[in-house]
C-alpha atoms as a PDB file:
ATOM      1  CA  UNK A   1      77.658 124.833  81.053  1.00  0.00           C
ATOM      2  CA  UNK A   2      78.118 125.440  85.785  1.00  0.00           C
ATOM      3  CA  UNK A   3      81.805 125.898  86.182  1.00  0.00           C
ATOM      4  CA  UNK A   4      80.630 123.737  89.658  1.00  0.00           C
ATOM      5  CA  UNK A   5      78.102 120.473  89.872  1.00  0.00           C
ATOM      6  CA  UNK A   6      76.516 119.673  92.997  1.00  0.00           C
ATOM      7  CA  UNK A   7      77.200 115.684  93.992  1.00  0.00           C
ATOM      8  CA  UNK A   8      74.091 114.282  95.730  1.00  0.00           C
ATOM      9  CA  UNK A   9      75.876 110.470  96.450  1.00  0.00           C
ATOM     10  CA  UNK A  10      72.758 108.223  96.951  1.00  0.00           C
ATOM     11  CA  UNK A  11      75.288 104.536  97.144  1.00  0.00           C
ATOM     12  CA  UNK A  12      74.236 104.524 100.956  1.00  0.00           C
ATOM     13  CA  UNK A  13      70.206 104.384 100.227  1.00  0.00           C
ATOM     14  CA  UNK A  14      69.694 103.831  96.582  1.00  0.00           C
ATOM     15  CA  UNK A  15      72.933 101.360  96.647  1.00  0.00           C
ATOM     16  CA  UNK A  16      72.220  99.126  99.013  1.00  0.00           C
ATOM     17  CA  UNK A  17      68.493  98.667  99.323  1.00  0.00           C
ATOM     18  CA  UNK A  18      68.933  96.730  96.744  1.00  0.00           C
ATOM     19  CA  UNK A  19      71.810  94.657  97.014  1.00  0.00           C
ATOM     20  CA  UNK A  20      71.904  91.455  98.583  1.00  0.00           C
ATOM     21  CA  UNK A  21      74.839  91.099 101.394  1.00  0.00           C
ATOM     22  CA  UNK A  22      72.642  93.246 103.713  1.00  0.00           C
ATOM     23  CA  UNK A  23      75.306  95.937 106.012  1.00  0.00           C
ATOM     24  CA  UNK A  24      74.920  96.489 109.641  1.00  0.00           C
ATOM     25  CA  UNK A  25      74.753  99.047 110.592  1.00  0.00           C
ATOM     26  CA  UNK A  26      77.734 100.355 111.847  1.00  0.00           C
ATOM     27  CA  UNK A  27      79.610  99.425 108.337  1.00  0.00           C
ATOM     28  CA  UNK A  28      76.602 101.007 107.013  1.00  0.00           C
ATOM     29  CA  UNK A  29      78.319 103.870 109.055  1.00  0.00           C
ATOM     30  CA  UNK A  30      81.489 103.711 108.783  1.00  0.00           C
ATOM     31  CA  UNK A  31      80.406 103.925 104.551  1.00  0.00           C
ATOM     32  CA  UNK A  32      78.114 107.362 104.891  1.00  0.00           C
ATOM     33  CA  UNK A  33      81.259 108.149 106.391  1.00  0.00           C
ATOM     34  CA  UNK A  34      84.118 107.813 104.326  1.00  0.00           C
ATOM     35  CA  UNK A  35      81.553 108.830 101.650  1.00  0.00           C
ATOM     36  CA  UNK A  36      82.052 112.087 103.623  1.00  0.00           C
ATOM     37  CA  UNK A  37      85.679 112.123 104.678  1.00  0.00           C
ATOM     38  CA  UNK A  38      85.681 112.063 100.515  1.00  0.00           C
ATOM     39  CA  UNK A  39      83.911 115.312 100.190  1.00  0.00           C
ATOM     40  CA  UNK A  40      80.559 114.655  99.220  1.00  0.00           C
ATOM     41  CA  UNK A  41      78.189 117.650 101.638  1.00  0.00           C
ATOM     42  CA  UNK A  42      74.978 116.242 100.326  1.00  0.00           C
ATOM     43  CA  UNK A  43      74.141 112.450 101.299  1.00  0.00           C
ATOM     44  CA  UNK A  44      71.181 110.461 100.604  1.00  0.00           C
ATOM     45  CA  UNK A  45      71.436 108.054 103.775  1.00  0.00           C
ATOM     46  CA  UNK A  46      67.929 106.314 104.543  1.00  0.00           C
ATOM     47  CA  UNK A  47      64.364 105.128 103.196  1.00  0.00           C
ATOM     48  CA  UNK A  48      61.697 105.479 105.284  1.00  0.00           C
ATOM     49  CA  UNK A  49      59.610 102.826 104.175  1.00  0.00           C
ATOM     50  CA  UNK A  50      57.585  99.563 105.872  1.00  0.00           C
ATOM     51  CA  UNK A  51      60.747  96.671 106.690  1.00  0.00           C
ATOM     52  CA  UNK A  52      58.599  94.111 104.647  1.00  0.00           C
ATOM     53  CA  UNK A  53      59.489  96.336 100.957  1.00  0.00           C
ATOM     54  CA  UNK A  54      62.724  97.094 101.514  1.00  0.00           C
ATOM     55  CA  UNK A  55      64.408  94.990 104.372  1.00  0.00           C
ATOM     56  CA  UNK A  56      67.716  97.058 103.408  1.00  0.00           C
ATOM     57  CA  UNK A  57      66.323 100.477 104.832  1.00  0.00           C
ATOM     58  CA  UNK A  58      65.128  98.633 108.147  1.00  0.00           C
ATOM     59  CA  UNK A  59      67.507 100.295 110.189  1.00  0.00           C
ATOM     60  CA  UNK A  60      67.374 103.635 109.263  1.00  0.00           C
ATOM     61  CA  UNK A  61      66.297 105.578 112.570  1.00  0.00           C
ATOM     62  CA  UNK A  62      70.085 104.111 114.043  1.00  0.00           C
ATOM     63  CA  UNK A  63      72.047 104.923 111.365  1.00  0.00           C
ATOM     64  CA  UNK A  64      70.726 108.386 110.918  1.00  0.00           C
ATOM     65  CA  UNK A  65      71.385 107.892 115.455  1.00  0.00           C
ATOM     66  CA  UNK A  66      74.911 107.177 115.099  1.00  0.00           C
ATOM     67  CA  UNK A  67      75.772 109.791 112.147  1.00  0.00           C
ATOM     68  CA  UNK A  68      78.126 112.635 112.604  1.00  0.00           C
ATOM     69  CA  UNK A  69      76.179 115.035 112.426  1.00  0.00           C
ATOM     70  CA  UNK A  70      78.530 118.297 113.380  1.00  0.00           C
ATOM     71  CA  UNK A  71      81.002 117.580 110.203  1.00  0.00           C
ATOM     72  CA  UNK A  72      78.638 119.859 107.941  1.00  0.00           C
ATOM     73  CA  UNK A  73      77.522 117.479 105.900  1.00  0.00           C
ATOM     74  CA  UNK A  74      73.277 117.039 105.294  1.00  0.00           C
ATOM     75  CA  UNK A  75      71.741 113.568 105.749  1.00  0.00           C
ATOM     76  CA  UNK A  76      68.867 113.531 103.571  1.00  0.00           C
ATOM     77  CA  UNK A  77      65.780 110.904 104.420  1.00  0.00           C
ATOM     78  CA  UNK A  78      62.942 109.638 101.899  1.00  0.00           C
ATOM     79  CA  UNK A  79      59.650 109.097 102.700  1.00  0.00           C
ATOM     80  CA  UNK A  80      56.995 108.621 100.119  1.00  0.00           C
ATOM     81  CA  UNK A  81      53.659 108.784 102.839  1.00  0.00           C
ATOM     82  CA  UNK A  82      52.743 110.732 105.183  1.00  0.00           C
ATOM     83  CA  UNK A  83      54.067 108.126 108.293  1.00  0.00           C
ATOM     84  CA  UNK A  84      57.139 107.842 106.783  1.00  0.00           C
ATOM     85  CA  UNK A  85      56.933 112.260 106.277  1.00  0.00           C
ATOM     86  CA  UNK A  86      57.208 111.989 109.845  1.00  0.00           C
ATOM     87  CA  UNK A  87      59.434 109.155 110.648  1.00  0.00           C
ATOM     88  CA  UNK A  88      62.017 111.107 108.678  1.00  0.00           C
ATOM     89  CA  UNK A  89      61.479 114.443 110.827  1.00  0.00           C
ATOM     90  CA  UNK A  90      62.060 112.427 113.564  1.00  0.00           C
ATOM     91  CA  UNK A  91      64.891 111.143 113.770  1.00  0.00           C
ATOM     92  CA  UNK A  92      66.582 114.796 112.178  1.00  0.00           C
ATOM     93  CA  UNK A  93      66.864 114.294 108.245  1.00  0.00           C
ATOM     94  CA  UNK A  94      68.779 117.045 107.147  1.00  0.00           C
ATOM     95  CA  UNK A  95      66.666 117.397 104.785  1.00  0.00           C
ATOM     96  CA  UNK A  96      63.553 114.179 103.052  1.00  0.00           C
ATOM     97  CA  UNK A  97      63.002 113.294  99.539  1.00  0.00           C
ATOM     98  CA  UNK A  98      59.405 112.497  99.019  1.00  0.00           C
ATOM     99  CA  UNK A  99      59.000 110.232  95.474  1.00  0.00           C
ATOM    100  CA  UNK A 100      56.106 111.438  93.500  1.00  0.00           C
ATOM    101  CA  UNK A 101      55.610 108.712  90.281  1.00  0.00           C
ATOM    102  CA  UNK A 102      55.135 109.949  86.252  1.00  0.00           C
ATOM    103  CA  UNK A 103      53.432 106.664  85.737  1.00  0.00           C
ATOM    104  CA  UNK A 104      50.404 104.356  87.506  1.00  0.00           C
ATOM    105  CA  UNK A 105      51.942 101.187  86.826  1.00  0.00           C
ATOM    106  CA  UNK A 106      55.494 101.361  88.261  1.00  0.00           C
ATOM    107  CA  UNK A 107      53.409 103.967  90.586  1.00  0.00           C
ATOM    108  CA  UNK A 108      50.568 101.123  91.978  1.00  0.00           C
ATOM    109  CA  UNK A 109      53.280  98.330  92.020  1.00  0.00           C
ATOM    110  CA  UNK A 110      55.385 101.061  94.307  1.00  0.00           C
ATOM    111  CA  UNK A 111      53.465 103.362  96.814  1.00  0.00           C
ATOM    112  CA  UNK A 112      49.949 102.366  95.312  1.00  0.00           C
ATOM    113  CA  UNK A 113      48.995 105.246  93.871  1.00  0.00           C
ATOM    114  CA  UNK A 114      48.867 107.287  90.317  1.00  0.00           C
ATOM    115  CA  UNK A 115      50.605 109.955  89.709  1.00  0.00           C
ATOM    116  CA  UNK A 116      47.723 112.024  90.306  1.00  0.00           C
ATOM    117  CA  UNK A 117      46.750 110.620  93.396  1.00  0.00           C
ATOM    118  CA  UNK A 118      51.099 110.622  94.571  1.00  0.00           C
ATOM    119  CA  UNK A 119      50.856 114.893  94.043  1.00  0.00           C
ATOM    120  CA  UNK A 120      47.957 114.766  95.927  1.00  0.00           C
ATOM    121  CA  UNK A 121      49.815 113.325  98.134  1.00  0.00           C
ATOM    122  CA  UNK A 122      53.255 116.206  97.933  1.00  0.00           C
ATOM    123  CA  UNK A 123      50.526 118.898  98.879  1.00  0.00           C
ATOM    124  CA  UNK A 124      49.002 118.177 102.031  1.00  0.00           C
ATOM    125  CA  UNK A 125      51.804 116.223 104.268  1.00  0.00           C
ATOM    126  CA  UNK A 126      54.951 118.909 102.236  1.00  0.00           C
ATOM    127  CA  UNK A 127      54.039 121.477 105.259  1.00  0.00           C
ATOM    128  CA  UNK A 128      55.317 118.786 107.959  1.00  0.00           C
ATOM    129  CA  UNK A 129      58.535 119.123 106.884  1.00  0.00           C
ATOM    130  CA  UNK A 130      57.933 122.527 106.137  1.00  0.00           C
ATOM    131  CA  UNK A 131      56.240 123.733 109.514  1.00  0.00           C
ATOM    132  CA  UNK A 132      59.990 121.832 110.666  1.00  0.00           C
ATOM    133  CA  UNK A 133      61.427 124.607 108.427  1.00  0.00           C
ATOM    134  CA  UNK A 134      63.516 120.989 106.728  1.00  0.00           C
ATOM    135  CA  UNK A 135      64.029 121.201 103.187  1.00  0.00           C
ATOM    136  CA  UNK A 136      61.120 119.258 101.772  1.00  0.00           C
ATOM    137  CA  UNK A 137      62.419 118.180  97.566  1.00  0.00           C
ATOM    138  CA  UNK A 138      60.425 115.510  95.619  1.00  0.00           C
ATOM    139  CA  UNK A 139      62.045 113.055  93.089  1.00  0.00           C
ATOM    140  CA  UNK A 140      60.318 112.388  89.818  1.00  0.00           C
ATOM    141  CA  UNK A 141      60.132 107.906  89.079  1.00  0.00           C
ATOM    142  CA  UNK A 142      60.367 106.971  86.170  1.00  0.00           C
ATOM    143  CA  UNK A 143      60.191 109.827  84.364  1.00  0.00           C
ATOM    144  CA  UNK A 144      61.592 108.586  80.951  1.00  0.00           C
ATOM    145  CA  UNK A 145      60.639 105.549  81.611  1.00  0.00           C
ATOM    146  CA  UNK A 146      57.423 102.970  83.649  1.00  0.00           C
ATOM    147  CA  UNK A 147      58.781  99.221  82.685  1.00  0.00           C
ATOM    148  CA  UNK A 148      54.843  98.363  82.887  1.00  0.00           C
ATOM    149  CA  UNK A 149      53.736 101.229  81.144  1.00  0.00           C
ATOM    150  CA  UNK A 150      56.220 102.454  78.503  1.00  0.00           C
ATOM    151  CA  UNK A 151      56.912 105.625  77.665  1.00  0.00           C
ATOM    152  CA  UNK A 152      55.903 108.188  79.812  1.00  0.00           C
ATOM    153  CA  UNK A 153      54.539 111.619  78.127  1.00  0.00           C
ATOM    154  CA  UNK A 154      55.676 115.291  78.870  1.00  0.00           C
ATOM    155  CA  UNK A 155      53.077 116.059  79.850  1.00  0.00           C
ATOM    156  CA  UNK A 156      52.830 114.586  83.001  1.00  0.00           C
ATOM    157  CA  UNK A 157      55.728 115.207  83.628  1.00  0.00           C
ATOM    158  CA  UNK A 158      54.989 118.822  83.198  1.00  0.00           C
ATOM    159  CA  UNK A 159      51.437 118.016  85.604  1.00  0.00           C
ATOM    160  CA  UNK A 160      53.616 116.952  88.431  1.00  0.00           C
ATOM    161  CA  UNK A 161      56.783 119.922  88.084  1.00  0.00           C
ATOM    162  CA  UNK A 162      53.719 122.832  88.429  1.00  0.00           C
ATOM    163  CA  UNK A 163      52.135 120.589  91.664  1.00  0.00           C
ATOM    164  CA  UNK A 164      55.780 119.695  93.401  1.00  0.00           C
ATOM    165  CA  UNK A 165      56.308 123.688  92.886  1.00  0.00           C
ATOM    166  CA  UNK A 166      53.745 124.972  93.976  1.00  0.00           C
ATOM    167  CA  UNK A 167      53.518 122.903  97.123  1.00  0.00           C
ATOM    168  CA  UNK A 168      56.857 124.551  97.915  1.00  0.00           C
ATOM    169  CA  UNK A 169      59.155 121.950  97.239  1.00  0.00           C
ATOM    170  CA  UNK A 170      62.997 123.002  97.565  1.00  0.00           C
ATOM    171  CA  UNK A 171      63.727 120.929  95.207  1.00  0.00           C
ATOM    172  CA  UNK A 172      62.932 119.304  92.305  1.00  0.00           C
ATOM    173  CA  UNK A 173      64.629 115.669  90.765  1.00  0.00           C
ATOM    174  CA  UNK A 174      63.214 113.790  86.917  1.00  0.00           C
ATOM    175  CA  UNK A 175      64.514 109.689  88.160  1.00  0.00           C
ATOM    176  CA  UNK A 176      65.585 107.613  84.668  1.00  0.00           C
ATOM    177  CA  UNK A 177      64.574 104.378  87.454  1.00  0.00           C
ATOM    178  CA  UNK A 178      64.871 101.739  84.959  1.00  0.00           C
ATOM    179  CA  UNK A 179      67.566 103.260  82.666  1.00  0.00           C
ATOM    180  CA  UNK A 180      65.889 104.477  80.253  1.00  0.00           C
ATOM    181  CA  UNK A 181      66.508 108.232  78.927  1.00  0.00           C
ATOM    182  CA  UNK A 182      69.105 108.662  76.223  1.00  0.00           C
ATOM    183  CA  UNK A 183      70.323 111.961  75.907  1.00  0.00           C
ATOM    184  CA  UNK A 184      68.188 113.418  73.057  1.00  0.00           C
ATOM    185  CA  UNK A 185      64.618 113.003  75.631  1.00  0.00           C
ATOM    186  CA  UNK A 186      67.017 114.484  78.119  1.00  0.00           C
ATOM    187  CA  UNK A 187      66.978 117.511  76.985  1.00  0.00           C
ATOM    188  CA  UNK A 188      64.241 117.759  75.423  1.00  0.00           C
ATOM    189  CA  UNK A 189      62.644 116.771  78.433  1.00  0.00           C
ATOM    190  CA  UNK A 190      64.436 120.273  80.475  1.00  0.00           C
ATOM    191  CA  UNK A 191      62.923 122.398  77.694  1.00  0.00           C
ATOM    192  CA  UNK A 192      59.952 121.630  78.134  1.00  0.00           C
ATOM    193  CA  UNK A 193      59.552 121.981  82.057  1.00  0.00           C
ATOM    194  CA  UNK A 194      62.650 124.219  82.472  1.00  0.00           C
ATOM    195  CA  UNK A 195      60.095 127.367  82.543  1.00  0.00           C
ATOM    196  CA  UNK A 196      58.403 125.566  84.921  1.00  0.00           C
ATOM    197  CA  UNK A 197      60.590 125.515  88.250  1.00  0.00           C
ATOM    198  CA  UNK A 198      61.143 129.302  88.571  1.00  0.00           C
ATOM    199  CA  UNK A 199      63.853 129.854  91.109  1.00  0.00           C
ATOM    200  CA  UNK A 200      63.760 126.148  92.414  1.00  0.00           C
ATOM    201  CA  UNK A 201      66.655 123.686  91.261  1.00  0.00           C
ATOM    202  CA  UNK A 202      66.328 121.357  88.909  1.00  0.00           C
ATOM    203  CA  UNK A 203      68.871 117.570  89.783  1.00  0.00           C
ATOM    204  CA  UNK A 204      69.015 115.006  87.871  1.00  0.00           C
ATOM    205  CA  UNK A 205      69.442 111.082  88.608  1.00  0.00           C
ATOM    206  CA  UNK A 206      70.302 108.614  86.404  1.00  0.00           C
ATOM    207  CA  UNK A 207      70.797 104.890  86.062  1.00  0.00           C
ATOM    208  CA  UNK A 208      73.286 102.775  84.066  1.00  0.00           C
ATOM    209  CA  UNK A 209      71.200 100.151  83.009  1.00  0.00           C
ATOM    210  CA  UNK A 210      71.507 100.655  79.222  1.00  0.00           C
ATOM    211  CA  UNK A 211      74.862 102.692  79.601  1.00  0.00           C
ATOM    212  CA  UNK A 212      73.517 105.693  79.166  1.00  0.00           C
ATOM    213  CA  UNK A 213      73.837 107.694  82.019  1.00  0.00           C
ATOM    214  CA  UNK A 214      77.036 109.317  81.533  1.00  0.00           C
ATOM    215  CA  UNK A 215      75.700 111.279  77.980  1.00  0.00           C
ATOM    216  CA  UNK A 216      72.779 112.157  80.292  1.00  0.00           C
ATOM    217  CA  UNK A 217      74.359 113.983  82.258  1.00  0.00           C
ATOM    218  CA  UNK A 218      76.157 115.440  79.793  1.00  0.00           C
ATOM    219  CA  UNK A 219      72.694 116.508  77.997  1.00  0.00           C
ATOM    220  CA  UNK A 220      71.765 117.840  81.358  1.00  0.00           C
ATOM    221  CA  UNK A 221      74.715 120.165  82.186  1.00  0.00           C
ATOM    222  CA  UNK A 222      73.829 121.531  78.208  1.00  0.00           C
ATOM    223  CA  UNK A 223      71.043 122.204  79.912  1.00  0.00           C
ATOM    224  CA  UNK A 224      72.258 124.361  83.006  1.00  0.00           C
ATOM    225  CA  UNK A 225      71.753 121.517  85.253  1.00  0.00           C
ATOM    226  CA  UNK A 226      74.085 121.551  88.618  1.00  0.00           C
ATOM    227  CA  UNK A 227      73.425 119.403  90.839  1.00  0.00           C
ATOM    228  CA  UNK A 228      73.550 115.248  90.311  1.00  0.00           C
ATOM    229  CA  UNK A 229      73.153 112.281  92.065  1.00  0.00           C
ATOM    230  CA  UNK A 230      75.530 109.702  91.643  1.00  0.00           C
ATOM    231  CA  UNK A 231      75.712 106.050  93.919  1.00  0.00           C
ATOM    232  CA  UNK A 232      79.447 105.277  94.830  1.00  0.00           C
ATOM    233  CA  UNK A 233      80.553 102.248  92.492  1.00  0.00           C
ATOM    234  CA  UNK A 234      77.653 102.024  91.311  1.00  0.00           C
ATOM    235  CA  UNK A 235      75.860  99.860  93.539  1.00  0.00           C
ATOM    236  CA  UNK A 236      72.019  99.408  93.815  1.00  0.00           C
ATOM    237  CA  UNK A 237      68.817 100.076  91.234  1.00  0.00           C
ATOM    238  CA  UNK A 238      64.699  99.464  92.355  1.00  0.00           C
ATOM    239  CA  UNK A 239      63.704  96.370  93.995  1.00  0.00           C
ATOM    240  CA  UNK A 240      59.990  97.139  92.415  1.00  0.00           C
ATOM    241  CA  UNK A 241      61.446  97.731  89.133  1.00  0.00           C
ATOM    242  CA  UNK A 242      62.407  94.220  86.608  1.00  0.00           C
ATOM    243  CA  UNK A 243      65.881  94.581  85.693  1.00  0.00           C
ATOM    244  CA  UNK A 244      66.556  98.512  86.719  1.00  0.00           C
ATOM    245  CA  UNK A 245      70.269  97.845  87.714  1.00  0.00           C
ATOM    246  CA  UNK A 246      73.346 100.474  87.979  1.00  0.00           C
ATOM    247  CA  UNK A 247      73.141 103.624  89.401  1.00  0.00           C
ATOM    248  CA  UNK A 248      75.760 105.653  88.084  1.00  0.00           C
ATOM    249  CA  UNK A 249      79.427 105.651  89.432  1.00  0.00           C
ATOM    250  CA  UNK A 250      79.592 108.459  91.747  1.00  0.00           C
ATOM    251  CA  UNK A 251      84.166 108.022  91.072  1.00  0.00           C
ATOM    252  CA  UNK A 252      82.918 107.893  86.840  1.00  0.00           C
ATOM    253  CA  UNK A 253      81.541 111.139  86.884  1.00  0.00           C
ATOM    254  CA  UNK A 254      84.096 112.204  88.951  1.00  0.00           C
ATOM    255  CA  UNK A 255      86.169 112.166  86.290  1.00  0.00           C
ATOM    256  CA  UNK A 256      84.504 113.295  83.753  1.00  0.00           C
ATOM    257  CA  UNK A 257      83.147 116.622  85.426  1.00  0.00           C
ATOM    258  CA  UNK A 258      87.166 116.601  85.855  1.00  0.00           C
ATOM    259  CA  UNK A 259      88.171 116.429  82.880  1.00  0.00           C
ATOM    260  CA  UNK A 260      86.538 119.350  81.553  1.00  0.00           C
ATOM    261  CA  UNK A 261      87.716 121.470  84.584  1.00  0.00           C
ATOM    262  CA  UNK A 262      84.378 121.740  85.587  1.00  0.00           C
ATOM    263  CA  UNK A 263      84.555 121.432  90.321  1.00  0.00           C
ATOM    264  CA  UNK A 264      82.597 119.404  92.423  1.00  0.00           C
ATOM    265  CA  UNK A 265      84.592 119.581  95.601  1.00  0.00           C
ATOM    266  CA  UNK A 266      84.932 116.105  95.858  1.00  0.00           C
ATOM    267  CA  UNK A 267      88.231 113.584  96.087  1.00  0.00           C
ATOM    268  CA  UNK A 268      87.741 111.389  93.119  1.00  0.00           C
ATOM    269  CA  UNK A 269      90.823 108.928  94.284  1.00  0.00           C
ATOM    270  CA  UNK A 270      89.432 108.706  98.297  1.00  0.00           C
ATOM    271  CA  UNK A 271      86.431 107.607  96.466  1.00  0.00           C
ATOM    272  CA  UNK A 272      88.311 105.349  94.463  1.00  0.00           C
ATOM    273  CA  UNK A 273      89.703 103.717  97.464  1.00  0.00           C
ATOM    274  CA  UNK A 274      86.309 104.138  99.349  1.00  0.00           C
ATOM    275  CA  UNK A 275      84.472 102.100  96.490  1.00  0.00           C
ATOM    276  CA  UNK A 276      87.518  99.518  96.558  1.00  0.00           C
ATOM    277  CA  UNK A 277      86.450  99.158 100.245  1.00  0.00           C
ATOM    278  CA  UNK A 278      82.696  98.878  99.372  1.00  0.00           C
ATOM    279  CA  UNK A 279      83.268  96.080  97.530  1.00  0.00           C
ATOM    280  CA  UNK A 280      84.488  94.500 100.257  1.00  0.00           C
ATOM    281  CA  UNK A 281      82.220  94.910 102.178  1.00  0.00           C
ATOM    282  CA  UNK A 282      79.481  93.883  99.339  1.00  0.00           C
ATOM    283  CA  UNK A 283      82.365  90.214  98.816  1.00  0.00           C
ATOM    284  CA  UNK A 284      81.405  91.530  94.590  1.00  0.00           C
ATOM    285  CA  UNK A 285      83.166  93.404  92.401  1.00  0.00           C
ATOM    286  CA  UNK A 286      81.564  96.753  91.701  1.00  0.00           C
ATOM    287  CA  UNK A 287      80.242  97.881  87.965  1.00  0.00           C
ATOM    288  CA  UNK A 288      82.201 101.152  88.722  1.00  0.00           C
ATOM    289  CA  UNK A 289      85.407 101.596  85.861  1.00  0.00           C
ATOM    290  CA  UNK A 290      87.439 104.178  87.461  1.00  0.00           C
ATOM    291  CA  UNK A 291      88.730 101.481  90.680  1.00  0.00           C
ATOM    292  CA  UNK A 292      90.393  99.511  87.398  1.00  0.00           C
ATOM    293  CA  UNK A 293      91.106 102.013  85.338  1.00  0.00           C
ATOM    294  CA  UNK A 294      92.893 104.758  87.552  1.00  0.00           C
ATOM    295  CA  UNK A 295      92.176 108.521  86.847  1.00  0.00           C
ATOM    296  CA  UNK A 296      93.906 110.141  83.733  1.00  0.00           C
ATOM    297  CA  UNK A 297      97.038 111.133  83.812  1.00  0.00           C
ATOM    298  CA  UNK A 298      98.129 108.854  86.097  1.00  0.00           C
ATOM    299  CA  UNK A 299      98.690 109.698  90.191  1.00  0.00           C
ATOM    300  CA  UNK A 300     102.479 107.841  90.148  1.00  0.00           C
ATOM    301  CA  UNK A 301     104.594 108.149  86.588  1.00  0.00           C
ATOM    302  CA  UNK A 302     107.638 106.710  88.287  1.00  0.00           C
ATOM    303  CA  UNK A 303     106.696 104.130  85.888  1.00  0.00           C
ATOM    304  CA  UNK A 304     106.380 106.241  82.922  1.00  0.00           C
END
């Protein structure tokens, strides 16, 4: 395993997009500022899709305009098509994350495109980001299972990874969009696609829908992956997939990694504070367990 792991904080985008409470733009910016203060250096903060599809992301342009751009953080915007790519570049995203899809059932409902068509589109529009010298990563959604079509063939993932790499993707992510992955499948898939990556880094994105996300992260680390997506408080999910709730909570991931002595450059206590603050903004208890139990050994041992 790598002695250090990079956490990409996706709460401001993948987290908030599936919440019933629509936070005001200023509150979103404060959320992002708190995450950066806790040590987050790469954050997915915006989604450039039609506001009718994802109302929670309707103010993405305003969010980007209000962010502190001198704190060393890199802000990522999600794009599904050429229009979204151009918008992300126009508002100054430091990185664009394009979504390919691993199965037609989900792809046609979410992006109105098959896996092959999403690969075709990326090949056509990746040059827009490359011309602007902006890194463009690719996340392959429903990589471990589709809510409409079921199992996803590894051969499809291999095809998408190869085409993304050849088109100049700066990073590849496998997204367990509906939370069906298990550690054995994760290890097998990483072994299969790793020879196709060359020098392109691999990132993993797990939802905790079926309580396997931490185990899947462990399996990924054992296969040499060094970049993990996580969401403060465990908020979020996918509005286009039935019952696809629960991103893996950032603070729970930090606890697991800290026990192994793996560096993340993030402050676990500050993340817990941010999670508690976010719970008040959303008006509910969040899925993360660490804010309820605290770290170990306890910070305050005076009562021991």
